[in-house]
mmCIF file of all heavy atoms, coordinates in Angstrom:
data_MODEL
# 
_entry.id   MODEL 
# 
loop_
_atom_site.group_PDB 
_atom_site.id 
_atom_site.type_symbol 
_atom_site.label_atom_id 
_atom_site.label_alt_id 
_atom_site.label_comp_id 
_atom_site.label_asym_id 
_atom_site.label_entity_id 
_atom_site.label_seq_id 
_atom_site.pdbx_PDB_ins_code 
_atom_site.Cartn_x 
_atom_site.Cartn_y 
_atom_site.Cartn_z 
_atom_site.occupancy 
_atom_site.B_iso_or_equiv 
_atom_site.pdbx_formal_charge 
_atom_site.auth_seq_id 
_atom_site.auth_comp_id 
_atom_site.auth_asym_id 
_atom_site.auth_atom_id 
_atom_site.pdbx_PDB_model_num 
ATOM 1   N N   . ASP A 1 1  ? 2.508  -13.185 -8.013  1.00 0.00 ? 1  ASP A N   1 
ATOM 2   C CA  . ASP A 1 1  ? 3.147  -13.589 -6.761  1.00 0.00 ? 1  ASP A CA  1 
ATOM 3   C C   . ASP A 1 1  ? 4.156  -14.712 -7.019  1.00 0.00 ? 1  ASP A C   1 
ATOM 4   O O   . ASP A 1 1  ? 5.282  -14.677 -6.514  1.00 0.00 ? 1  ASP A O   1 
ATOM 5   C CB  . ASP A 1 1  ? 2.059  -14.059 -5.780  1.00 0.00 ? 1  ASP A CB  1 
ATOM 6   C CG  . ASP A 1 1  ? 2.473  -13.962 -4.336  1.00 0.00 ? 1  ASP A CG  1 
ATOM 7   O OD1 . ASP A 1 1  ? 3.681  -13.778 -4.063  1.00 0.00 ? 1  ASP A OD1 1 
ATOM 8   O OD2 . ASP A 1 1  ? 1.607  -14.048 -3.458  1.00 0.00 ? 1  ASP A OD2 1 
ATOM 9   N N   . ALA A 1 2  ? 3.766  -15.711 -7.816  1.00 0.00 ? 2  ALA A N   1 
ATOM 10  C CA  . ALA A 1 2  ? 4.642  -16.830 -8.112  1.00 0.00 ? 2  ALA A CA  1 
ATOM 11  C C   . ALA A 1 2  ? 5.892  -16.361 -8.858  1.00 0.00 ? 2  ALA A C   1 
ATOM 12  O O   . ALA A 1 2  ? 7.013  -16.808 -8.565  1.00 0.00 ? 2  ALA A O   1 
ATOM 13  C CB  . ALA A 1 2  ? 3.896  -17.880 -8.943  1.00 0.00 ? 2  ALA A CB  1 
ATOM 14  N N   . MET A 1 3  ? 5.735  -15.461 -9.822  1.00 0.00 ? 3  MET A N   1 
ATOM 15  C CA  . MET A 1 3  ? 6.881  -14.984 -10.594 1.00 0.00 ? 3  MET A CA  1 
ATOM 16  C C   . MET A 1 3  ? 7.812  -14.131 -9.718  1.00 0.00 ? 3  MET A C   1 
ATOM 17  O O   . MET A 1 3  ? 9.030  -14.172 -9.880  1.00 0.00 ? 3  MET A O   1 
ATOM 18  C CB  . MET A 1 3  ? 6.439  -14.190 -11.802 1.00 0.00 ? 3  MET A CB  1 
ATOM 19  C CG  . MET A 1 3  ? 6.026  -15.053 -12.994 1.00 0.00 ? 3  MET A CG  1 
ATOM 20  S SD  . MET A 1 3  ? 7.297  -16.237 -13.492 1.00 0.00 ? 3  MET A SD  1 
ATOM 21  C CE  . MET A 1 3  ? 8.607  -15.149 -14.067 1.00 0.00 ? 3  MET A CE  1 
ATOM 22  N N   . VAL A 1 4  ? 7.242  -13.353 -8.797  1.00 0.00 ? 4  VAL A N   1 
ATOM 23  C CA  . VAL A 1 4  ? 8.079  -12.570 -7.888  1.00 0.00 ? 4  VAL A CA  1 
ATOM 24  C C   . VAL A 1 4  ? 8.975  -13.529 -7.090  1.00 0.00 ? 4  VAL A C   1 
ATOM 25  O O   . VAL A 1 4  ? 10.165 -13.285 -6.929  1.00 0.00 ? 4  VAL A O   1 
ATOM 26  C CB  . VAL A 1 4  ? 7.223  -11.684 -6.950  1.00 0.00 ? 4  VAL A CB  1 
ATOM 27  C CG1 . VAL A 1 4  ? 8.045  -11.149 -5.788  1.00 0.00 ? 4  VAL A CG1 1 
ATOM 28  C CG2 . VAL A 1 4  ? 6.574  -10.553 -7.734  1.00 0.00 ? 4  VAL A CG2 1 
ATOM 29  N N   . GLN A 1 5  ? 8.394  -14.633 -6.648  1.00 0.00 ? 5  GLN A N   1 
ATOM 30  C CA  . GLN A 1 5  ? 9.179  -15.601 -5.870  1.00 0.00 ? 5  GLN A CA  1 
ATOM 31  C C   . GLN A 1 5  ? 10.233 -16.298 -6.720  1.00 0.00 ? 5  GLN A C   1 
ATOM 32  O O   . GLN A 1 5  ? 11.307 -16.641 -6.213  1.00 0.00 ? 5  GLN A O   1 
ATOM 33  C CB  . GLN A 1 5  ? 8.245  -16.612 -5.206  1.00 0.00 ? 5  GLN A CB  1 
ATOM 34  C CG  . GLN A 1 5  ? 7.388  -15.906 -4.148  1.00 0.00 ? 5  GLN A CG  1 
ATOM 35  C CD  . GLN A 1 5  ? 6.692  -16.856 -3.226  1.00 0.00 ? 5  GLN A CD  1 
ATOM 36  O OE1 . GLN A 1 5  ? 7.200  -17.895 -2.906  1.00 0.00 ? 5  GLN A OE1 1 
ATOM 37  N NE2 . GLN A 1 5  ? 5.527  -16.441 -2.745  1.00 0.00 ? 5  GLN A NE2 1 
ATOM 38  N N   . ILE A 1 6  ? 9.950  -16.484 -8.010  1.00 0.00 ? 6  ILE A N   1 
ATOM 39  C CA  . ILE A 1 6  ? 10.941 -17.078 -8.899  1.00 0.00 ? 6  ILE A CA  1 
ATOM 40  C C   . ILE A 1 6  ? 12.065 -16.074 -9.204  1.00 0.00 ? 6  ILE A C   1 
ATOM 41  O O   . ILE A 1 6  ? 13.248 -16.437 -9.196  1.00 0.00 ? 6  ILE A O   1 
ATOM 42  C CB  . ILE A 1 6  ? 10.268 -17.539 -10.216 1.00 0.00 ? 6  ILE A CB  1 
ATOM 43  C CG1 . ILE A 1 6  ? 9.394  -18.777 -9.938  1.00 0.00 ? 6  ILE A CG1 1 
ATOM 44  C CG2 . ILE A 1 6  ? 11.307 -17.850 -11.301 1.00 0.00 ? 6  ILE A CG2 1 
ATOM 45  C CD1 . ILE A 1 6  ? 8.470  -19.158 -11.077 1.00 0.00 ? 6  ILE A CD1 1 
ATOM 46  N N   . LEU A 1 7  ? 11.700 -14.829 -9.444  1.00 0.00 ? 7  LEU A N   1 
ATOM 47  C CA  . LEU A 1 7  ? 12.690 -13.807 -9.787  1.00 0.00 ? 7  LEU A CA  1 
ATOM 48  C C   . LEU A 1 7  ? 13.538 -13.378 -8.594  1.00 0.00 ? 7  LEU A C   1 
ATOM 49  O O   . LEU A 1 7  ? 14.662 -12.881 -8.784  1.00 0.00 ? 7  LEU A O   1 
ATOM 50  C CB  . LEU A 1 7  ? 11.992 -12.591 -10.405 1.00 0.00 ? 7  LEU A CB  1 
ATOM 51  C CG  . LEU A 1 7  ? 11.332 -12.844 -11.767 1.00 0.00 ? 7  LEU A CG  1 
ATOM 52  C CD1 . LEU A 1 7  ? 10.456 -11.661 -12.159 1.00 0.00 ? 7  LEU A CD1 1 
ATOM 53  C CD2 . LEU A 1 7  ? 12.388 -13.105 -12.825 1.00 0.00 ? 7  LEU A CD2 1 
ATOM 54  N N   . LEU A 1 8  ? 12.998 -13.534 -7.393  1.00 0.00 ? 8  LEU A N   1 
ATOM 55  C CA  . LEU A 1 8  ? 13.732 -13.183 -6.159  1.00 0.00 ? 8  LEU A CA  1 
ATOM 56  C C   . LEU A 1 8  ? 13.788 -14.430 -5.257  1.00 0.00 ? 8  LEU A C   1 
ATOM 57  O O   . LEU A 1 8  ? 13.071 -14.533 -4.273  1.00 0.00 ? 8  LEU A O   1 
ATOM 58  C CB  . LEU A 1 8  ? 13.008 -12.039 -5.449  1.00 0.00 ? 8  LEU A CB  1 
ATOM 59  C CG  . LEU A 1 8  ? 12.799 -10.751 -6.239  1.00 0.00 ? 8  LEU A CG  1 
ATOM 60  C CD1 . LEU A 1 8  ? 11.923 -9.770  -5.465  1.00 0.00 ? 8  LEU A CD1 1 
ATOM 61  C CD2 . LEU A 1 8  ? 14.146 -10.108 -6.592  1.00 0.00 ? 8  LEU A CD2 1 
ATOM 62  N N   . PRO A 1 9  ? 14.643 -15.393 -5.601  1.00 0.00 ? 9  PRO A N   1 
ATOM 63  C CA  . PRO A 1 9  ? 14.689 -16.650 -4.868  1.00 0.00 ? 9  PRO A CA  1 
ATOM 64  C C   . PRO A 1 9  ? 14.904 -16.462 -3.364  1.00 0.00 ? 9  PRO A C   1 
ATOM 65  O O   . PRO A 1 9  ? 15.698 -15.633 -2.951  1.00 0.00 ? 9  PRO A O   1 
ATOM 66  C CB  . PRO A 1 9  ? 15.884 -17.398 -5.474  1.00 0.00 ? 9  PRO A CB  1 
ATOM 67  C CG  . PRO A 1 9  ? 16.192 -16.699 -6.749  1.00 0.00 ? 9  PRO A CG  1 
ATOM 68  C CD  . PRO A 1 9  ? 15.671 -15.299 -6.622  1.00 0.00 ? 9  PRO A CD  1 
ATOM 69  N N   . GLY A 1 10 ? 14.125 -17.210 -2.587  1.00 0.00 ? 10 GLY A N   1 
ATOM 70  C CA  . GLY A 1 10 ? 14.253 -17.177 -1.131  1.00 0.00 ? 10 GLY A CA  1 
ATOM 71  C C   . GLY A 1 10 ? 13.555 -16.019 -0.448  1.00 0.00 ? 10 GLY A C   1 
ATOM 72  O O   . GLY A 1 10 ? 13.621 -15.896 0.757   1.00 0.00 ? 10 GLY A O   1 
ATOM 73  N N   . VAL A 1 11 ? 12.861 -15.186 -1.227  1.00 0.00 ? 11 VAL A N   1 
ATOM 74  C CA  . VAL A 1 11 ? 12.186 -14.025 -0.647  1.00 0.00 ? 11 VAL A CA  1 
ATOM 75  C C   . VAL A 1 11 ? 11.054 -14.477 0.284   1.00 0.00 ? 11 VAL A C   1 
ATOM 76  O O   . VAL A 1 11 ? 10.351 -15.423 0.003   1.00 0.00 ? 11 VAL A O   1 
ATOM 77  C CB  . VAL A 1 11 ? 11.635 -13.077 -1.752  1.00 0.00 ? 11 VAL A CB  1 
ATOM 78  C CG1 . VAL A 1 11 ? 10.539 -13.734 -2.569  1.00 0.00 ? 11 VAL A CG1 1 
ATOM 79  C CG2 . VAL A 1 11 ? 11.111 -11.783 -1.157  1.00 0.00 ? 11 VAL A CG2 1 
ATOM 80  N N   . LYS A 1 12 ? 10.929 -13.796 1.403   1.00 0.00 ? 12 LYS A N   1 
ATOM 81  C CA  . LYS A 1 12 ? 9.796  -13.982 2.305   1.00 0.00 ? 12 LYS A CA  1 
ATOM 82  C C   . LYS A 1 12 ? 8.957  -12.724 2.170   1.00 0.00 ? 12 LYS A C   1 
ATOM 83  O O   . LYS A 1 12 ? 9.367  -11.649 2.605   1.00 0.00 ? 12 LYS A O   1 
ATOM 84  C CB  . LYS A 1 12 ? 10.259 -14.187 3.732   1.00 0.00 ? 12 LYS A CB  1 
ATOM 85  C CG  . LYS A 1 12 ? 10.975 -15.511 3.949   1.00 0.00 ? 12 LYS A CG  1 
ATOM 86  C CD  . LYS A 1 12 ? 11.170 -15.793 5.415   1.00 0.00 ? 12 LYS A CD  1 
ATOM 87  C CE  . LYS A 1 12 ? 11.915 -17.026 5.746   1.00 0.00 ? 12 LYS A CE  1 
ATOM 88  N NZ  . LYS A 1 12 ? 12.220 -17.999 4.779   1.00 0.00 ? 12 LYS A NZ  1 
ATOM 89  N N   . ILE A 1 13 ? 7.791  -12.864 1.554   1.00 0.00 ? 13 ILE A N   1 
ATOM 90  C CA  . ILE A 1 13 ? 6.954  -11.713 1.235   1.00 0.00 ? 13 ILE A CA  1 
ATOM 91  C C   . ILE A 1 13 ? 6.000  -11.442 2.393   1.00 0.00 ? 13 ILE A C   1 
ATOM 92  O O   . ILE A 1 13 ? 5.339  -12.346 2.890   1.00 0.00 ? 13 ILE A O   1 
ATOM 93  C CB  . ILE A 1 13 ? 6.174  -11.944 -0.080  1.00 0.00 ? 13 ILE A CB  1 
ATOM 94  C CG1 . ILE A 1 13 ? 7.172  -12.181 -1.218  1.00 0.00 ? 13 ILE A CG1 1 
ATOM 95  C CG2 . ILE A 1 13 ? 5.267  -10.774 -0.380  1.00 0.00 ? 13 ILE A CG2 1 
ATOM 96  C CD1 . ILE A 1 13 ? 6.530  -12.566 -2.534  1.00 0.00 ? 13 ILE A CD1 1 
ATOM 97  N N   . ASN A 1 14 ? 5.944  -10.171 2.795   1.00 0.00 ? 14 ASN A N   1 
ATOM 98  C CA  . ASN A 1 14 ? 5.110  -9.750  3.933   1.00 0.00 ? 14 ASN A CA  1 
ATOM 99  C C   . ASN A 1 14 ? 3.707  -9.362  3.493   1.00 0.00 ? 14 ASN A C   1 
ATOM 100 O O   . ASN A 1 14 ? 3.267  -8.266  3.775   1.00 0.00 ? 14 ASN A O   1 
ATOM 101 C CB  . ASN A 1 14 ? 5.797  -8.596  4.664   1.00 0.00 ? 14 ASN A CB  1 
ATOM 102 C CG  . ASN A 1 14 ? 7.083  -9.010  5.310   1.00 0.00 ? 14 ASN A CG  1 
ATOM 103 O OD1 . ASN A 1 14 ? 7.132  -10.041 5.963   1.00 0.00 ? 14 ASN A OD1 1 
ATOM 104 N ND2 . ASN A 1 14 ? 8.129  -8.238  5.098   1.00 0.00 ? 14 ASN A ND2 1 
ATOM 105 N N   . GLY A 1 15 ? 3.021  -10.251 2.803   1.00 0.00 ? 15 GLY A N   1 
ATOM 106 C CA  . GLY A 1 15 ? 1.635  -10.031 2.424   1.00 0.00 ? 15 GLY A CA  1 
ATOM 107 C C   . GLY A 1 15 ? 1.462  -9.622  0.967   1.00 0.00 ? 15 GLY A C   1 
ATOM 108 O O   . GLY A 1 15 ? 2.419  -9.287  0.284   1.00 0.00 ? 15 GLY A O   1 
ATOM 109 N N   . PRO A 1 16 ? 0.204  -9.651  0.514   1.00 0.00 ? 16 PRO A N   1 
ATOM 110 C CA  . PRO A 1 16 ? -0.081 -9.370  -0.903  1.00 0.00 ? 16 PRO A CA  1 
ATOM 111 C C   . PRO A 1 16 ? 0.270  -7.955  -1.346  1.00 0.00 ? 16 PRO A C   1 
ATOM 112 O O   . PRO A 1 16 ? 0.674  -7.759  -2.496  1.00 0.00 ? 16 PRO A O   1 
ATOM 113 C CB  . PRO A 1 16 ? -1.591 -9.630  -1.035  1.00 0.00 ? 16 PRO A CB  1 
ATOM 114 C CG  . PRO A 1 16 ? -2.107 -9.898  0.318   1.00 0.00 ? 16 PRO A CG  1 
ATOM 115 C CD  . PRO A 1 16 ? -0.980 -10.057 1.267   1.00 0.00 ? 16 PRO A CD  1 
ATOM 116 N N   . ASP A 1 17 ? 0.151  -6.988  -0.467  1.00 0.00 ? 17 ASP A N   1 
ATOM 117 C CA  . ASP A 1 17 ? 0.490  -5.604  -0.849  1.00 0.00 ? 17 ASP A CA  1 
ATOM 118 C C   . ASP A 1 17 ? 2.002  -5.476  -1.056  1.00 0.00 ? 17 ASP A C   1 
ATOM 119 O O   . ASP A 1 17 ? 2.447  -4.782  -1.970  1.00 0.00 ? 17 ASP A O   1 
ATOM 120 C CB  . ASP A 1 17 ? 0.000  -4.626  0.221   1.00 0.00 ? 17 ASP A CB  1 
ATOM 121 C CG  . ASP A 1 17 ? -1.506 -4.684  0.377   1.00 0.00 ? 17 ASP A CG  1 
ATOM 122 O OD1 . ASP A 1 17 ? -2.206 -4.293  -0.578  1.00 0.00 ? 17 ASP A OD1 1 
ATOM 123 O OD2 . ASP A 1 17 ? -1.988 -5.159  1.419   1.00 0.00 ? 17 ASP A OD2 1 
ATOM 124 N N   . ALA A 1 18 ? 2.778  -6.152  -0.229  1.00 0.00 ? 18 ALA A N   1 
ATOM 125 C CA  . ALA A 1 18 ? 4.245  -6.149  -0.390  1.00 0.00 ? 18 ALA A CA  1 
ATOM 126 C C   . ALA A 1 18 ? 4.628  -6.897  -1.660  1.00 0.00 ? 18 ALA A C   1 
ATOM 127 O O   . ALA A 1 18 ? 5.558  -6.488  -2.367  1.00 0.00 ? 18 ALA A O   1 
ATOM 128 C CB  . ALA A 1 18 ? 4.918  -6.765  0.824   1.00 0.00 ? 18 ALA A CB  1 
ATOM 129 N N   . ALA A 1 19 ? 3.920  -7.979  -1.992  1.00 0.00 ? 19 ALA A N   1 
ATOM 130 C CA  . ALA A 1 19 ? 4.191  -8.729  -3.231  1.00 0.00 ? 19 ALA A CA  1 
ATOM 131 C C   . ALA A 1 19 ? 3.954  -7.835  -4.440  1.00 0.00 ? 19 ALA A C   1 
ATOM 132 O O   . ALA A 1 19 ? 4.766  -7.825  -5.385  1.00 0.00 ? 19 ALA A O   1 
ATOM 133 C CB  . ALA A 1 19 ? 3.315  -9.978  -3.313  1.00 0.00 ? 19 ALA A CB  1 
ATOM 134 N N   . ASP A 1 20 ? 2.861  -7.092  -4.426  1.00 0.00 ? 20 ASP A N   1 
ATOM 135 C CA  . ASP A 1 20 ? 2.567  -6.178  -5.530  1.00 0.00 ? 20 ASP A CA  1 
ATOM 136 C C   . ASP A 1 20 ? 3.643  -5.097  -5.632  1.00 0.00 ? 20 ASP A C   1 
ATOM 137 O O   . ASP A 1 20 ? 4.064  -4.735  -6.738  1.00 0.00 ? 20 ASP A O   1 
ATOM 138 C CB  . ASP A 1 20 ? 1.191  -5.511  -5.338  1.00 0.00 ? 20 ASP A CB  1 
ATOM 139 C CG  . ASP A 1 20 ? 0.040  -6.484  -5.548  1.00 0.00 ? 20 ASP A CG  1 
ATOM 140 O OD1 . ASP A 1 20 ? 0.270  -7.597  -6.061  1.00 0.00 ? 20 ASP A OD1 1 
ATOM 141 O OD2 . ASP A 1 20 ? -1.091 -6.130  -5.171  1.00 0.00 ? 20 ASP A OD2 1 
ATOM 142 N N   . ALA A 1 21 ? 4.120  -4.596  -4.500  1.00 0.00 ? 21 ALA A N   1 
ATOM 143 C CA  . ALA A 1 21 ? 5.161  -3.583  -4.510  1.00 0.00 ? 21 ALA A CA  1 
ATOM 144 C C   . ALA A 1 21 ? 6.470  -4.137  -5.055  1.00 0.00 ? 21 ALA A C   1 
ATOM 145 O O   . ALA A 1 21 ? 7.177  -3.447  -5.812  1.00 0.00 ? 21 ALA A O   1 
ATOM 146 C CB  . ALA A 1 21 ? 5.359  -3.025  -3.110  1.00 0.00 ? 21 ALA A CB  1 
ATOM 147 N N   . LEU A 1 22 ? 6.808  -5.365  -4.713  1.00 0.00 ? 22 LEU A N   1 
ATOM 148 C CA  . LEU A 1 22 ? 8.000  -5.995  -5.273  1.00 0.00 ? 22 LEU A CA  1 
ATOM 149 C C   . LEU A 1 22 ? 7.872  -6.151  -6.784  1.00 0.00 ? 22 LEU A C   1 
ATOM 150 O O   . LEU A 1 22 ? 8.839  -5.948  -7.522  1.00 0.00 ? 22 LEU A O   1 
ATOM 151 C CB  . LEU A 1 22 ? 8.274  -7.345  -4.609  1.00 0.00 ? 22 LEU A CB  1 
ATOM 152 C CG  . LEU A 1 22 ? 8.854  -7.272  -3.203  1.00 0.00 ? 22 LEU A CG  1 
ATOM 153 C CD1 . LEU A 1 22 ? 8.804  -8.654  -2.521  1.00 0.00 ? 22 LEU A CD1 1 
ATOM 154 C CD2 . LEU A 1 22 ? 10.281 -6.732  -3.217  1.00 0.00 ? 22 LEU A CD2 1 
ATOM 155 N N   . ALA A 1 23 ? 6.668  -6.482  -7.251  1.00 0.00 ? 23 ALA A N   1 
ATOM 156 C CA  . ALA A 1 23 ? 6.443  -6.586  -8.699  1.00 0.00 ? 23 ALA A CA  1 
ATOM 157 C C   . ALA A 1 23 ? 6.655  -5.235  -9.368  1.00 0.00 ? 23 ALA A C   1 
ATOM 158 O O   . ALA A 1 23 ? 7.238  -5.168  -10.453 1.00 0.00 ? 23 ALA A O   1 
ATOM 159 C CB  . ALA A 1 23 ? 5.023  -7.104  -8.976  1.00 0.00 ? 23 ALA A CB  1 
ATOM 160 N N   . VAL A 1 24 ? 6.227  -4.159  -8.731  1.00 0.00 ? 24 VAL A N   1 
ATOM 161 C CA  . VAL A 1 24 ? 6.453  -2.806  -9.272  1.00 0.00 ? 24 VAL A CA  1 
ATOM 162 C C   . VAL A 1 24 ? 7.950  -2.520  -9.324  1.00 0.00 ? 24 VAL A C   1 
ATOM 163 O O   . VAL A 1 24 ? 8.450  -1.975  -10.320 1.00 0.00 ? 24 VAL A O   1 
ATOM 164 C CB  . VAL A 1 24 ? 5.717  -1.739  -8.430  1.00 0.00 ? 24 VAL A CB  1 
ATOM 165 C CG1 . VAL A 1 24 ? 6.083  -0.335  -8.880  1.00 0.00 ? 24 VAL A CG1 1 
ATOM 166 C CG2 . VAL A 1 24 ? 4.190  -1.938  -8.503  1.00 0.00 ? 24 VAL A CG2 1 
ATOM 167 N N   . ALA A 1 25 ? 8.691  -2.902  -8.274  1.00 0.00 ? 25 ALA A N   1 
ATOM 168 C CA  . ALA A 1 25 ? 10.133 -2.684  -8.246  1.00 0.00 ? 25 ALA A CA  1 
ATOM 169 C C   . ALA A 1 25 ? 10.814 -3.487  -9.344  1.00 0.00 ? 25 ALA A C   1 
ATOM 170 O O   . ALA A 1 25 ? 11.758 -2.990  -10.018 1.00 0.00 ? 25 ALA A O   1 
ATOM 171 C CB  . ALA A 1 25 ? 10.705 -3.044  -6.868  1.00 0.00 ? 25 ALA A CB  1 
ATOM 172 N N   . ILE A 1 26 ? 10.370 -4.721  -9.571  1.00 0.00 ? 26 ILE A N   1 
ATOM 173 C CA  . ILE A 1 26 ? 10.952 -5.555  -10.633 1.00 0.00 ? 26 ILE A CA  1 
ATOM 174 C C   . ILE A 1 26 ? 10.671 -4.949  -11.996 1.00 0.00 ? 26 ILE A C   1 
ATOM 175 O O   . ILE A 1 26 ? 11.555 -4.857  -12.860 1.00 0.00 ? 26 ILE A O   1 
ATOM 176 C CB  . ILE A 1 26 ? 10.397 -7.008  -10.546 1.00 0.00 ? 26 ILE A CB  1 
ATOM 177 C CG1 . ILE A 1 26 ? 10.914 -7.678  -9.285  1.00 0.00 ? 26 ILE A CG1 1 
ATOM 178 C CG2 . ILE A 1 26 ? 10.732 -7.799  -11.797 1.00 0.00 ? 26 ILE A CG2 1 
ATOM 179 C CD1 . ILE A 1 26 ? 10.198 -8.986  -8.925  1.00 0.00 ? 26 ILE A CD1 1 
# 
């Protein structure tokens, strides 16, 4: 979760499932 926020500055994540999905996209 922390790395997703670092790699996508300013992102507002809509919950843990969305954070995991963003990690998959990254």
